[in-house]
Amino acid sequence: MSSSQDIQFDPSKFENNVNDDPDLKEFDFTIMSAWSDLELEVEGKTLYVTHSFLAMISPVFRRMFKSEFKEKEAKSNNLPDKKYEDVLTFLRWTILWLALKVTSKRVLNECANVFS
């Protein structure tokens, strides 16, 4: 079985209202979740993310959060040169890619490595 078959995830649901699907709420960057600790302001709209997620997927954010840039402790970041739909699409496809990489077989293999 390929890893993409392990997780049943339909990316076309992103085209629908994500708020109506409880399975996708954790992937909805347009609403604040219990995990959100950073707001990205793009074209007057807010996207809710975590510092750790951005640091994991972007070397630029990783450097900002590790160095003495003001963004390190910021609760909000303005992205003036970006388009809202581009940033939202990037976040959604990145989280989808990460979700597909975490398969039950891989998790079991990692657990076996840790506990062996």
PDB file of N, CA and C in Angstrom:
ATOM      1  N   MET A   1       0.848  -1.183   0.000  1.00  0.00           N
ATOM      2  CA  MET A   1       0.000   0.000   0.000  1.00  0.00           C
ATOM      3  C   MET A   1       0.892   1.244   0.000  1.00  0.00           C
ATOM      4  N   SER A   2       0.634   2.164  -0.873  1.00  0.00           N
ATOM      5  CA  SER A   2       1.425   3.389  -0.906  1.00  0.00           C
ATOM      6  C   SER A   2       1.008   4.314   0.217  1.00  0.00           C
ATOM      7  N   SER A   3       1.930   5.186   0.597  1.00  0.00           N
ATOM      8  CA  SER A   3       1.663   6.069   1.728  1.00  0.00           C
ATOM      9  C   SER A   3       0.506   7.024   1.466  1.00  0.00           C
ATOM     10  N   SER A   4       0.276   7.396   0.216  1.00  0.00           N
ATOM     11  CA  SER A   4      -0.819   8.326  -0.074  1.00  0.00           C
ATOM     12  C   SER A   4      -2.183   7.671   0.121  1.00  0.00           C
ATOM     13  N   GLN A   5      -2.226   6.334   0.150  1.00  0.00           N
ATOM     14  CA  GLN A   5      -3.491   5.644   0.368  1.00  0.00           C
ATOM     15  C   GLN A   5      -3.806   5.484   1.852  1.00  0.00           C
ATOM     16  N   ASP A   6      -2.820   5.652   2.717  1.00  0.00           N
ATOM     17  CA  ASP A   6      -3.018   5.465   4.147  1.00  0.00           C
ATOM     18  C   ASP A   6      -3.913   6.538   4.757  1.00  0.00           C
ATOM     19  N   ILE A   7      -3.874   7.718   4.221  1.00  0.00           N
ATOM     20  CA  ILE A   7      -4.659   8.819   4.766  1.00  0.00           C
ATOM     21  C   ILE A   7      -5.708   9.223   3.746  1.00  0.00           C
ATOM     22  N   GLN A   8      -6.940   9.177   4.154  1.00  0.00           N
ATOM     23  CA  GLN A   8      -8.029   9.573   3.272  1.00  0.00           C
ATOM     24  C   GLN A   8      -8.230  11.079   3.408  1.00  0.00           C
ATOM     25  N   PHE A   9      -7.740  11.806   2.452  1.00  0.00           N
ATOM     26  CA  PHE A   9      -7.785  13.255   2.516  1.00  0.00           C
ATOM     27  C   PHE A   9      -8.093  13.787   1.137  1.00  0.00           C
ATOM     28  N   ASP A  10      -9.122  14.578   1.020  1.00  0.00           N
ATOM     29  CA  ASP A  10      -9.554  15.079  -0.272  1.00  0.00           C
ATOM     30  C   ASP A  10      -9.214  16.565  -0.387  1.00  0.00           C
ATOM     31  N   PRO A  11      -8.152  16.914  -1.124  1.00  0.00           N
ATOM     32  CA  PRO A  11      -7.767  18.319  -1.223  1.00  0.00           C
ATOM     33  C   PRO A  11      -8.823  19.199  -1.878  1.00  0.00           C
ATOM     34  N   SER A  12      -9.753  18.608  -2.633  1.00  0.00           N
ATOM     35  CA  SER A  12     -10.801  19.427  -3.247  1.00  0.00           C
ATOM     36  C   SER A  12     -11.714  20.043  -2.194  1.00  0.00           C
ATOM     37  N   LYS A  13     -11.718  19.488  -0.964  1.00  0.00           N
ATOM     38  CA  LYS A  13     -12.543  20.058   0.096  1.00  0.00           C
ATOM     39  C   LYS A  13     -12.096  21.474   0.454  1.00  0.00           C
ATOM     40  N   PHE A  14     -10.858  21.801   0.114  1.00  0.00           N
ATOM     41  CA  PHE A  14     -10.393  23.154   0.383  1.00  0.00           C
ATOM     42  C   PHE A  14     -11.172  24.181  -0.425  1.00  0.00           C
ATOM     43  N   GLU A  15     -11.746  23.746  -1.515  1.00  0.00           N
ATOM     44  CA  GLU A  15     -12.526  24.656  -2.337  1.00  0.00           C
ATOM     45  C   GLU A  15     -13.878  24.949  -1.695  1.00  0.00           C
ATOM     46  N   ASN A  16     -14.317  24.062  -0.804  1.00  0.00           N
ATOM     47  CA  ASN A  16     -15.580  24.247  -0.100  1.00  0.00           C
ATOM     48  C   ASN A  16     -15.333  25.036   1.179  1.00  0.00           C
ATOM     49  N   ASN A  17     -16.374  25.247   1.939  1.00  0.00           N
ATOM     50  CA  ASN A  17     -16.225  25.940   3.209  1.00  0.00           C
ATOM     51  C   ASN A  17     -15.628  24.988   4.233  1.00  0.00           C
ATOM     52  N   VAL A  18     -14.368  25.174   4.558  1.00  0.00           N
ATOM     53  CA  VAL A  18     -13.650  24.286   5.459  1.00  0.00           C
ATOM     54  C   VAL A  18     -14.292  24.276   6.841  1.00  0.00           C
ATOM     55  N   ASN A  19     -14.909  25.362   7.229  1.00  0.00           N
ATOM     56  CA  ASN A  19     -15.525  25.434   8.552  1.00  0.00           C
ATOM     57  C   ASN A  19     -16.654  24.426   8.729  1.00  0.00           C
ATOM     58  N   ASP A  20     -17.248  23.952   7.640  1.00  0.00           N
ATOM     59  CA  ASP A  20     -18.359  23.005   7.726  1.00  0.00           C
ATOM     60  C   ASP A  20     -17.900  21.562   7.884  1.00  0.00           C
ATOM     61  N   ASP A  21     -16.630  21.284   7.739  1.00  0.00           N
ATOM     62  CA  ASP A  21     -16.118  19.926   7.823  1.00  0.00           C
ATOM     63  C   ASP A  21     -15.244  19.794   9.063  1.00  0.00           C
ATOM     64  N   PRO A  22     -15.726  19.096  10.101  1.00  0.00           N
ATOM     65  CA  PRO A  22     -14.960  19.007  11.342  1.00  0.00           C
ATOM     66  C   PRO A  22     -13.601  18.337  11.166  1.00  0.00           C
ATOM     67  N   ASP A  23     -13.457  17.466  10.173  1.00  0.00           N
ATOM     68  CA  ASP A  23     -12.174  16.812   9.940  1.00  0.00           C
ATOM     69  C   ASP A  23     -11.121  17.768   9.384  1.00  0.00           C
ATOM     70  N   LEU A  24     -11.570  18.873   8.799  1.00  0.00           N
ATOM     71  CA  LEU A  24     -10.629  19.803   8.197  1.00  0.00           C
ATOM     72  C   LEU A  24     -10.404  21.066   9.031  1.00  0.00           C
ATOM     73  N   LYS A  25     -11.093  21.218  10.145  1.00  0.00           N
ATOM     74  CA  LYS A  25     -10.956  22.452  10.925  1.00  0.00           C
ATOM     75  C   LYS A  25      -9.522  22.723  11.326  1.00  0.00           C
ATOM     76  N   GLU A  26      -8.768  21.663  11.660  1.00  0.00           N
ATOM     77  CA  GLU A  26      -7.390  21.879  12.064  1.00  0.00           C
ATOM     78  C   GLU A  26      -6.530  22.362  10.902  1.00  0.00           C
ATOM     79  N   PHE A  27      -7.003  22.201   9.665  1.00  0.00           N
ATOM     80  CA  PHE A  27      -6.268  22.668   8.492  1.00  0.00           C
ATOM     81  C   PHE A  27      -6.744  24.032   8.011  1.00  0.00           C
ATOM     82  N   ASP A  28      -7.684  24.620   8.723  1.00  0.00           N
ATOM     83  CA  ASP A  28      -8.237  25.903   8.298  1.00  0.00           C
ATOM     84  C   ASP A  28      -7.456  27.036   8.953  1.00  0.00           C
ATOM     85  N   PHE A  29      -6.631  27.684   8.165  1.00  0.00           N
ATOM     86  CA  PHE A  29      -5.796  28.771   8.665  1.00  0.00           C
ATOM     87  C   PHE A  29      -6.556  30.086   8.783  1.00  0.00           C
ATOM     88  N   THR A  30      -7.841  30.091   8.378  1.00  0.00           N
ATOM     89  CA  THR A  30      -8.617  31.332   8.419  1.00  0.00           C
ATOM     90  C   THR A  30      -9.346  31.527   9.744  1.00  0.00           C
ATOM     91  N   ILE A  31      -9.314  30.514  10.615  1.00  0.00           N
ATOM     92  CA  ILE A  31      -9.922  30.654  11.937  1.00  0.00           C
ATOM     93  C   ILE A  31      -8.873  30.356  13.001  1.00  0.00           C
ATOM     94  N   MET A  32      -8.976  31.049  14.112  1.00  0.00           N
ATOM     95  CA  MET A  32      -8.023  30.836  15.188  1.00  0.00           C
ATOM     96  C   MET A  32      -8.325  29.505  15.868  1.00  0.00           C
ATOM     97  N   SER A  33      -7.272  28.768  16.140  1.00  0.00           N
ATOM     98  CA  SER A  33      -7.424  27.504  16.869  1.00  0.00           C
ATOM     99  C   SER A  33      -6.703  27.626  18.211  1.00  0.00           C
ATOM    100  N   ALA A  34      -6.836  26.618  19.018  1.00  0.00           N
ATOM    101  CA  ALA A  34      -6.155  26.614  20.317  1.00  0.00           C
ATOM    102  C   ALA A  34      -4.639  26.622  20.139  1.00  0.00           C
ATOM    103  N   TRP A  35      -4.162  26.184  18.983  1.00  0.00           N
ATOM    104  CA  TRP A  35      -2.721  26.087  18.738  1.00  0.00           C
ATOM    105  C   TRP A  35      -2.133  27.350  18.115  1.00  0.00           C
ATOM    106  N   SER A  36      -2.959  28.208  17.580  1.00  0.00           N
ATOM    107  CA  SER A  36      -2.469  29.408  16.896  1.00  0.00           C
ATOM    108  C   SER A  36      -1.726  30.311  17.868  1.00  0.00           C
ATOM    109  N   ASP A  37      -0.524  30.707  17.476  1.00  0.00           N
ATOM    110  CA  ASP A  37       0.207  31.669  18.299  1.00  0.00           C
ATOM    111  C   ASP A  37       0.786  32.810  17.463  1.00  0.00           C
ATOM    112  N   LEU A  38       0.371  32.859  16.198  1.00  0.00           N
ATOM    113  CA  LEU A  38       0.858  33.900  15.304  1.00  0.00           C
ATOM    114  C   LEU A  38      -0.202  34.211  14.258  1.00  0.00           C
ATOM    115  N   GLU A  39      -0.389  35.491  14.002  1.00  0.00           N
ATOM    116  CA  GLU A  39      -1.307  35.937  12.950  1.00  0.00           C
ATOM    117  C   GLU A  39      -0.492  36.496  11.797  1.00  0.00           C
ATOM    118  N   LEU A  40      -0.802  36.052  10.602  1.00  0.00           N
ATOM    119  CA  LEU A  40      -0.200  36.611   9.398  1.00  0.00           C
ATOM    120  C   LEU A  40      -1.220  37.538   8.762  1.00  0.00           C
ATOM    121  N   GLU A  41      -0.857  38.782   8.588  1.00  0.00           N
ATOM    122  CA  GLU A  41      -1.728  39.774   7.961  1.00  0.00           C
ATOM    123  C   GLU A  41      -1.341  39.884   6.495  1.00  0.00           C
ATOM    124  N   VAL A  42      -2.280  39.522   5.615  1.00  0.00           N
ATOM    125  CA  VAL A  42      -2.013  39.523   4.179  1.00  0.00           C
ATOM    126  C   VAL A  42      -3.200  40.176   3.478  1.00  0.00           C
ATOM    127  N   GLU A  43      -2.934  41.271   2.777  1.00  0.00           N
ATOM    128  CA  GLU A  43      -3.974  42.005   2.043  1.00  0.00           C
ATOM    129  C   GLU A  43      -5.184  42.313   2.928  1.00  0.00           C
ATOM    130  N   GLY A  44      -4.932  42.694   4.174  1.00  0.00           N
ATOM    131  CA  GLY A  44      -6.011  43.070   5.080  1.00  0.00           C
ATOM    132  C   GLY A  44      -6.770  41.907   5.688  1.00  0.00           C
ATOM    133  N   LYS A  45      -6.333  40.685   5.426  1.00  0.00           N
ATOM    134  CA  LYS A  45      -6.974  39.493   5.985  1.00  0.00           C
ATOM    135  C   LYS A  45      -5.987  38.790   6.904  1.00  0.00           C
ATOM    136  N   THR A  46      -6.520  38.025   7.854  1.00  0.00           N
ATOM    137  CA  THR A  46      -5.680  37.362   8.844  1.00  0.00           C
ATOM    138  C   THR A  46      -5.679  35.856   8.647  1.00  0.00           C
ATOM    139  N   LEU A  47      -4.483  35.279   8.707  1.00  0.00           N
ATOM    140  CA  LEU A  47      -4.297  33.833   8.707  1.00  0.00           C
ATOM    141  C   LEU A  47      -3.667  33.454  10.038  1.00  0.00           C
ATOM    142  N   TYR A  48      -4.136  32.356  10.626  1.00  0.00           N
ATOM    143  CA  TYR A  48      -3.685  31.933  11.949  1.00  0.00           C
ATOM    144  C   TYR A  48      -2.798  30.699  11.827  1.00  0.00           C
ATOM    145  N   VAL A  49      -1.581  30.818  12.340  1.00  0.00           N
ATOM    146  CA  VAL A  49      -0.596  29.745  12.234  1.00  0.00           C
ATOM    147  C   VAL A  49       0.138  29.616  13.569  1.00  0.00           C
ATOM    148  N   THR A  50       1.147  28.762  13.572  1.00  0.00           N
ATOM    149  CA  THR A  50       2.028  28.666  14.730  1.00  0.00           C
ATOM    150  C   THR A  50       3.450  28.976  14.294  1.00  0.00           C
ATOM    151  N   HIS A  51       4.214  29.526  15.219  1.00  0.00           N
ATOM    152  CA  HIS A  51       5.627  29.783  14.935  1.00  0.00           C
ATOM    153  C   HIS A  51       6.324  28.492  14.516  1.00  0.00           C
ATOM    154  N   SER A  52       6.049  27.406  15.235  1.00  0.00           N
ATOM    155  CA  SER A  52       6.753  26.148  14.962  1.00  0.00           C
ATOM    156  C   SER A  52       6.428  25.610  13.566  1.00  0.00           C
ATOM    157  N   PHE A  53       5.166  25.716  13.134  1.00  0.00           N
ATOM    158  CA  PHE A  53       4.798  25.257  11.791  1.00  0.00           C
ATOM    159  C   PHE A  53       5.556  26.051  10.727  1.00  0.00           C
ATOM    160  N   LEU A  54       5.563  27.368  10.860  1.00  0.00           N
ATOM    161  CA  LEU A  54       6.268  28.185   9.867  1.00  0.00           C
ATOM    162  C   LEU A  54       7.767  27.906   9.873  1.00  0.00           C
ATOM    163  N   ALA A  55       8.331  27.729  11.068  1.00  0.00           N
ATOM    164  CA  ALA A  55       9.768  27.441  11.152  1.00  0.00           C
ATOM    165  C   ALA A  55      10.095  26.093  10.517  1.00  0.00           C
ATOM    166  N   MET A  56       9.191  25.156  10.636  1.00  0.00           N
ATOM    167  CA  MET A  56       9.407  23.825  10.077  1.00  0.00           C
ATOM    168  C   MET A  56       9.363  23.852   8.549  1.00  0.00           C
ATOM    169  N   ILE A  57       8.496  24.673   7.963  1.00  0.00           N
ATOM    170  CA  ILE A  57       8.309  24.628   6.509  1.00  0.00           C
ATOM    171  C   ILE A  57       9.083  25.702   5.753  1.00  0.00           C
ATOM    172  N   SER A  58       9.653  26.678   6.475  1.00  0.00           N
ATOM    173  CA  SER A  58      10.290  27.784   5.776  1.00  0.00           C
ATOM    174  C   SER A  58      11.619  28.172   6.424  1.00  0.00           C
ATOM    175  N   PRO A  59      12.714  28.068   5.670  1.00  0.00           N
ATOM    176  CA  PRO A  59      14.004  28.496   6.220  1.00  0.00           C
ATOM    177  C   PRO A  59      14.038  29.994   6.528  1.00  0.00           C
ATOM    178  N   VAL A  60      13.262  30.772   5.814  1.00  0.00           N
ATOM    179  CA  VAL A  60      13.210  32.216   6.076  1.00  0.00           C
ATOM    180  C   VAL A  60      12.592  32.479   7.442  1.00  0.00           C
ATOM    181  N   PHE A  61      11.419  31.876   7.710  1.00  0.00           N
ATOM    182  CA  PHE A  61      10.795  32.046   9.020  1.00  0.00           C
ATOM    183  C   PHE A  61      11.661  31.442  10.124  1.00  0.00           C
ATOM    184  N   ARG A  62      12.293  30.302   9.849  1.00  0.00           N
ATOM    185  CA  ARG A  62      13.156  29.666  10.840  1.00  0.00           C
ATOM    186  C   ARG A  62      14.250  30.629  11.286  1.00  0.00           C
ATOM    187  N   ARG A  63      14.893  31.309  10.334  1.00  0.00           N
ATOM    188  CA  ARG A  63      15.945  32.279  10.676  1.00  0.00           C
ATOM    189  C   ARG A  63      15.376  33.445  11.466  1.00  0.00           C
ATOM    190  N   MET A  64      14.214  33.931  11.055  1.00  0.00           N
ATOM    191  CA  MET A  64      13.605  35.060  11.764  1.00  0.00           C
ATOM    192  C   MET A  64      13.297  34.709  13.216  1.00  0.00           C
ATOM    193  N   PHE A  65      12.785  33.513  13.444  1.00  0.00           N
ATOM    194  CA  PHE A  65      12.361  33.124  14.787  1.00  0.00           C
ATOM    195  C   PHE A  65      13.537  32.736  15.678  1.00  0.00           C
ATOM    196  N   LYS A  66      14.657  32.353  15.084  1.00  0.00           N
ATOM    197  CA  LYS A  66      15.823  31.962  15.875  1.00  0.00           C
ATOM    198  C   LYS A  66      16.759  33.132  16.151  1.00  0.00           C
ATOM    199  N   SER A  67      16.682  34.167  15.361  1.00  0.00           N
ATOM    200  CA  SER A  67      17.604  35.288  15.495  1.00  0.00           C
ATOM    201  C   SER A  67      16.977  36.376  16.358  1.00  0.00           C
ATOM    202  N   GLU A  68      17.581  37.514  16.322  1.00  0.00           N
ATOM    203  CA  GLU A  68      17.084  38.640  17.113  1.00  0.00           C
ATOM    204  C   GLU A  68      16.170  39.574  16.311  1.00  0.00           C
ATOM    205  N   PHE A  69      15.583  39.065  15.240  1.00  0.00           N
ATOM    206  CA  PHE A  69      14.599  39.851  14.503  1.00  0.00           C
ATOM    207  C   PHE A  69      13.391  40.103  15.397  1.00  0.00           C
ATOM    208  N   LYS A  70      12.690  41.188  15.143  1.00  0.00           N
ATOM    209  CA  LYS A  70      11.500  41.512  15.933  1.00  0.00           C
ATOM    210  C   LYS A  70      10.413  40.446  15.798  1.00  0.00           C
ATOM    211  N   GLU A  71      10.418  39.706  14.671  1.00  0.00           N
ATOM    212  CA  GLU A  71       9.409  38.676  14.424  1.00  0.00           C
ATOM    213  C   GLU A  71       9.521  37.495  15.389  1.00  0.00           C
ATOM    214  N   LYS A  72      10.667  37.367  16.046  1.00  0.00           N
ATOM    215  CA  LYS A  72      10.895  36.233  16.944  1.00  0.00           C
ATOM    216  C   LYS A  72       9.821  36.138  18.027  1.00  0.00           C
ATOM    217  N   GLU A  73       9.446  37.262  18.598  1.00  0.00           N
ATOM    218  CA  GLU A  73       8.461  37.279  19.684  1.00  0.00           C
ATOM    219  C   GLU A  73       7.110  37.844  19.251  1.00  0.00           C
ATOM    220  N   ALA A  74       6.997  38.202  17.979  1.00  0.00           N
ATOM    221  CA  ALA A  74       5.776  38.853  17.488  1.00  0.00           C
ATOM    222  C   ALA A  74       4.577  37.919  17.541  1.00  0.00           C
ATOM    223  N   LYS A  75       3.424  38.509  17.813  1.00  0.00           N
ATOM    224  CA  LYS A  75       2.158  37.767  17.771  1.00  0.00           C
ATOM    225  C   LYS A  75       1.454  37.979  16.431  1.00  0.00           C
ATOM    226  N   SER A  76       1.981  38.939  15.648  1.00  0.00           N
ATOM    227  CA  SER A  76       1.399  39.250  14.351  1.00  0.00           C
ATOM    228  C   SER A  76       2.516  39.648  13.395  1.00  0.00           C
ATOM    229  N   ASN A  77       2.400  39.204  12.159  1.00  0.00           N
ATOM    230  CA  ASN A  77       3.364  39.541  11.115  1.00  0.00           C
ATOM    231  C   ASN A  77       2.618  40.013   9.888  1.00  0.00           C
ATOM    232  N   ASN A  78       3.026  41.146   9.349  1.00  0.00           N
ATOM    233  CA  ASN A  78       2.434  41.665   8.131  1.00  0.00           C
ATOM    234  C   ASN A  78       3.276  41.201   6.950  1.00  0.00           C
ATOM    235  N   LEU A  79       2.615  40.661   5.925  1.00  0.00           N
ATOM    236  CA  LEU A  79       3.305  40.226   4.711  1.00  0.00           C
ATOM    237  C   LEU A  79       2.833  41.110   3.554  1.00  0.00           C
ATOM    238  N   PRO A  80       3.390  42.318   3.447  1.00  0.00           N
ATOM    239  CA  PRO A  80       2.868  43.304   2.497  1.00  0.00           C
ATOM    240  C   PRO A  80       3.064  42.963   1.025  1.00  0.00           C
ATOM    241  N   ASP A  81       4.063  42.178   0.713  1.00  0.00           N
ATOM    242  CA  ASP A  81       4.350  41.888  -0.697  1.00  0.00           C
ATOM    243  C   ASP A  81       3.770  40.564  -1.169  1.00  0.00           C
ATOM    244  N   LYS A  82       2.898  39.986  -0.371  1.00  0.00           N
ATOM    245  CA  LYS A  82       2.320  38.683  -0.708  1.00  0.00           C
ATOM    246  C   LYS A  82       0.841  38.811  -1.002  1.00  0.00           C
ATOM    247  N   LYS A  83       0.327  37.869  -1.770  1.00  0.00           N
ATOM    248  CA  LYS A  83      -1.106  37.807  -2.063  1.00  0.00           C
ATOM    249  C   LYS A  83      -1.743  36.797  -1.109  1.00  0.00           C
ATOM    250  N   TYR A  84      -2.899  37.157  -0.575  1.00  0.00           N
ATOM    251  CA  TYR A  84      -3.606  36.337   0.401  1.00  0.00           C
ATOM    252  C   TYR A  84      -3.825  34.917  -0.110  1.00  0.00           C
ATOM    253  N   GLU A  85      -4.379  34.786  -1.313  1.00  0.00           N
ATOM    254  CA  GLU A  85      -4.675  33.458  -1.855  1.00  0.00           C
ATOM    255  C   GLU A  85      -3.408  32.626  -2.049  1.00  0.00           C
ATOM    256  N   ASP A  86      -2.302  33.270  -2.419  1.00  0.00           N
ATOM    257  CA  ASP A  86      -1.039  32.549  -2.585  1.00  0.00           C
ATOM    258  C   ASP A  86      -0.540  31.996  -1.251  1.00  0.00           C
ATOM    259  N   VAL A  87      -0.588  32.816  -0.215  1.00  0.00           N
ATOM    260  CA  VAL A  87      -0.117  32.378   1.105  1.00  0.00           C
ATOM    261  C   VAL A  87      -1.024  31.280   1.646  1.00  0.00           C
ATOM    262  N   LEU A  88      -2.330  31.455   1.519  1.00  0.00           N
ATOM    263  CA  LEU A  88      -3.280  30.459   2.002  1.00  0.00           C
ATOM    264  C   LEU A  88      -3.094  29.123   1.272  1.00  0.00           C
ATOM    265  N   THR A  89      -2.938  29.171  -0.038  1.00  0.00           N
ATOM    266  CA  THR A  89      -2.717  27.955  -0.818  1.00  0.00           C
ATOM    267  C   THR A  89      -1.414  27.278  -0.404  1.00  0.00           C
ATOM    268  N   PHE A  90      -0.371  28.060  -0.212  1.00  0.00           N
ATOM    269  CA  PHE A  90       0.917  27.510   0.227  1.00  0.00           C
ATOM    270  C   PHE A  90       0.761  26.793   1.572  1.00  0.00           C
ATOM    271  N   LEU A  91       0.092  27.423   2.529  1.00  0.00           N
ATOM    272  CA  LEU A  91      -0.100  26.815   3.847  1.00  0.00           C
ATOM    273  C   LEU A  91      -0.909  25.522   3.751  1.00  0.00           C
ATOM    274  N   ARG A  92      -1.982  25.560   2.984  1.00  0.00           N
ATOM    275  CA  ARG A  92      -2.846  24.383   2.874  1.00  0.00           C
ATOM    276  C   ARG A  92      -2.146  23.214   2.197  1.00  0.00           C
ATOM    277  N   TRP A  93      -1.431  23.476   1.128  1.00  0.00           N
ATOM    278  CA  TRP A  93      -0.748  22.378   0.439  1.00  0.00           C
ATOM    279  C   TRP A  93       0.428  21.874   1.253  1.00  0.00           C
ATOM    280  N   THR A  94       1.055  22.725   2.025  1.00  0.00           N
ATOM    281  CA  THR A  94       2.151  22.279   2.875  1.00  0.00           C
ATOM    282  C   THR A  94       1.637  21.362   3.977  1.00  0.00           C
ATOM    283  N   ILE A  95       0.533  21.730   4.615  1.00  0.00           N
ATOM    284  CA  ILE A  95      -0.015  20.882   5.674  1.00  0.00           C
ATOM    285  C   ILE A  95      -0.527  19.571   5.083  1.00  0.00           C
ATOM    286  N   LEU A  96      -1.066  19.618   3.880  1.00  0.00           N
ATOM    287  CA  LEU A  96      -1.505  18.392   3.206  1.00  0.00           C
ATOM    288  C   LEU A  96      -0.313  17.482   2.949  1.00  0.00           C
ATOM    289  N   TRP A  97       0.767  18.045   2.450  1.00  0.00           N
ATOM    290  CA  TRP A  97       1.973  17.266   2.174  1.00  0.00           C
ATOM    291  C   TRP A  97       2.494  16.625   3.458  1.00  0.00           C
ATOM    292  N   LEU A  98       2.511  17.379   4.545  1.00  0.00           N
ATOM    293  CA  LEU A  98       2.959  16.827   5.824  1.00  0.00           C
ATOM    294  C   LEU A  98       2.027  15.716   6.304  1.00  0.00           C
ATOM    295  N   ALA A  99       0.732  15.911   6.151  1.00  0.00           N
ATOM    296  CA  ALA A  99      -0.233  14.899   6.582  1.00  0.00           C
ATOM    297  C   ALA A  99      -0.047  13.612   5.789  1.00  0.00           C
ATOM    298  N   LEU A 100       0.218  13.723   4.513  1.00  0.00           N
ATOM    299  CA  LEU A 100       0.407  12.530   3.693  1.00  0.00           C
ATOM    300  C   LEU A 100       1.697  11.798   4.028  1.00  0.00           C
ATOM    301  N   LYS A 101       2.683  12.512   4.528  1.00  0.00           N
ATOM    302  CA  LYS A 101       3.945  11.884   4.916  1.00  0.00           C
ATOM    303  C   LYS A 101       3.812  11.087   6.202  1.00  0.00           C
ATOM    304  N   VAL A 102       2.836  11.442   7.027  1.00  0.00           N
ATOM    305  CA  VAL A 102       2.635  10.734   8.293  1.00  0.00           C
ATOM    306  C   VAL A 102       1.622   9.626   8.053  1.00  0.00           C
ATOM    307  N   THR A 103       2.111   8.453   7.806  1.00  0.00           N
ATOM    308  CA  THR A 103       1.237   7.306   7.566  1.00  0.00           C
ATOM    309  C   THR A 103       1.315   6.367   8.756  1.00  0.00           C
ATOM    310  N   SER A 104       0.324   5.518   8.887  1.00  0.00           N
ATOM    311  CA  SER A 104       0.311   4.592  10.019  1.00  0.00           C
ATOM    312  C   SER A 104       1.546   3.686   9.986  1.00  0.00           C
ATOM    313  N   LYS A 105       1.935   3.234   8.810  1.00  0.00           N
ATOM    314  CA  LYS A 105       3.112   2.370   8.700  1.00  0.00           C
ATOM    315  C   LYS A 105       4.367   3.103   9.155  1.00  0.00           C
ATOM    316  N   ARG A 106       4.506   4.342   8.737  1.00  0.00           N
ATOM    317  CA  ARG A 106       5.684   5.121   9.120  1.00  0.00           C
ATOM    318  C   ARG A 106       5.708   5.368  10.631  1.00  0.00           C
ATOM    319  N   VAL A 107       4.542   5.703  11.190  1.00  0.00           N
ATOM    320  CA  VAL A 107       4.465   5.935  12.630  1.00  0.00           C
ATOM    321  C   VAL A 107       4.854   4.668  13.384  1.00  0.00           C
ATOM    322  N   LEU A 108       4.325   3.518  12.964  1.00  0.00           N
ATOM    323  CA  LEU A 108       4.662   2.256  13.621  1.00  0.00           C
ATOM    324  C   LEU A 108       6.151   1.946  13.493  1.00  0.00           C
ATOM    325  N   ASN A 109       6.728   2.200  12.322  1.00  0.00           N
ATOM    326  CA  ASN A 109       8.153   1.983  12.142  1.00  0.00           C
ATOM    327  C   ASN A 109       8.980   2.873  13.057  1.00  0.00           C
ATOM    328  N   GLU A 110       8.595   4.146  13.161  1.00  0.00           N
ATOM    329  CA  GLU A 110       9.332   5.065  14.036  1.00  0.00           C
ATOM    330  C   GLU A 110       9.213   4.646  15.494  1.00  0.00           C
ATOM    331  N   CYS A 111       8.019   4.227  15.891  1.00  0.00           N
ATOM    332  CA  CYS A 111       7.824   3.759  17.277  1.00  0.00           C
ATOM    333  C   CYS A 111       8.675   2.528  17.541  1.00  0.00           C
ATOM    334  N   ALA A 112       8.732   1.620  16.582  1.00  0.00           N
ATOM    335  CA  ALA A 112       9.539   0.414  16.732  1.00  0.00           C
ATOM    336  C   ALA A 112      11.015   0.779  16.892  1.00  0.00           C
ATOM    337  N   ASN A 113      11.474   1.787  16.121  1.00  0.00           N
ATOM    338  CA  ASN A 113      12.859   2.232  16.238  1.00  0.00           C
ATOM    339  C   ASN A 113      13.148   2.847  17.593  1.00  0.00           C
ATOM    340  N   VAL A 114      12.230   3.618  18.089  1.00  0.00           N
ATOM    341  CA  VAL A 114      12.422   4.297  19.374  1.00  0.00           C
ATOM    342  C   VAL A 114      12.415   3.306  20.530  1.00  0.00           C
ATOM    343  N   PHE A 115      11.501   2.347  20.469  1.00  0.00           N
ATOM    344  CA  PHE A 115      11.318   1.451  21.605  1.00  0.00           C
ATOM    345  C   PHE A 115      12.042   0.119  21.463  1.00  0.00           C
ATOM    346  N   SER A 116      12.859  -0.037  20.449  1.00  0.00           N
ATOM    347  CA  SER A 116      13.591  -1.303  20.293  1.00  0.00           C
ATOM    348  C   SER A 116      14.958  -1.245  20.944  1.00  0.00           C
TER     349      SER A 116
END
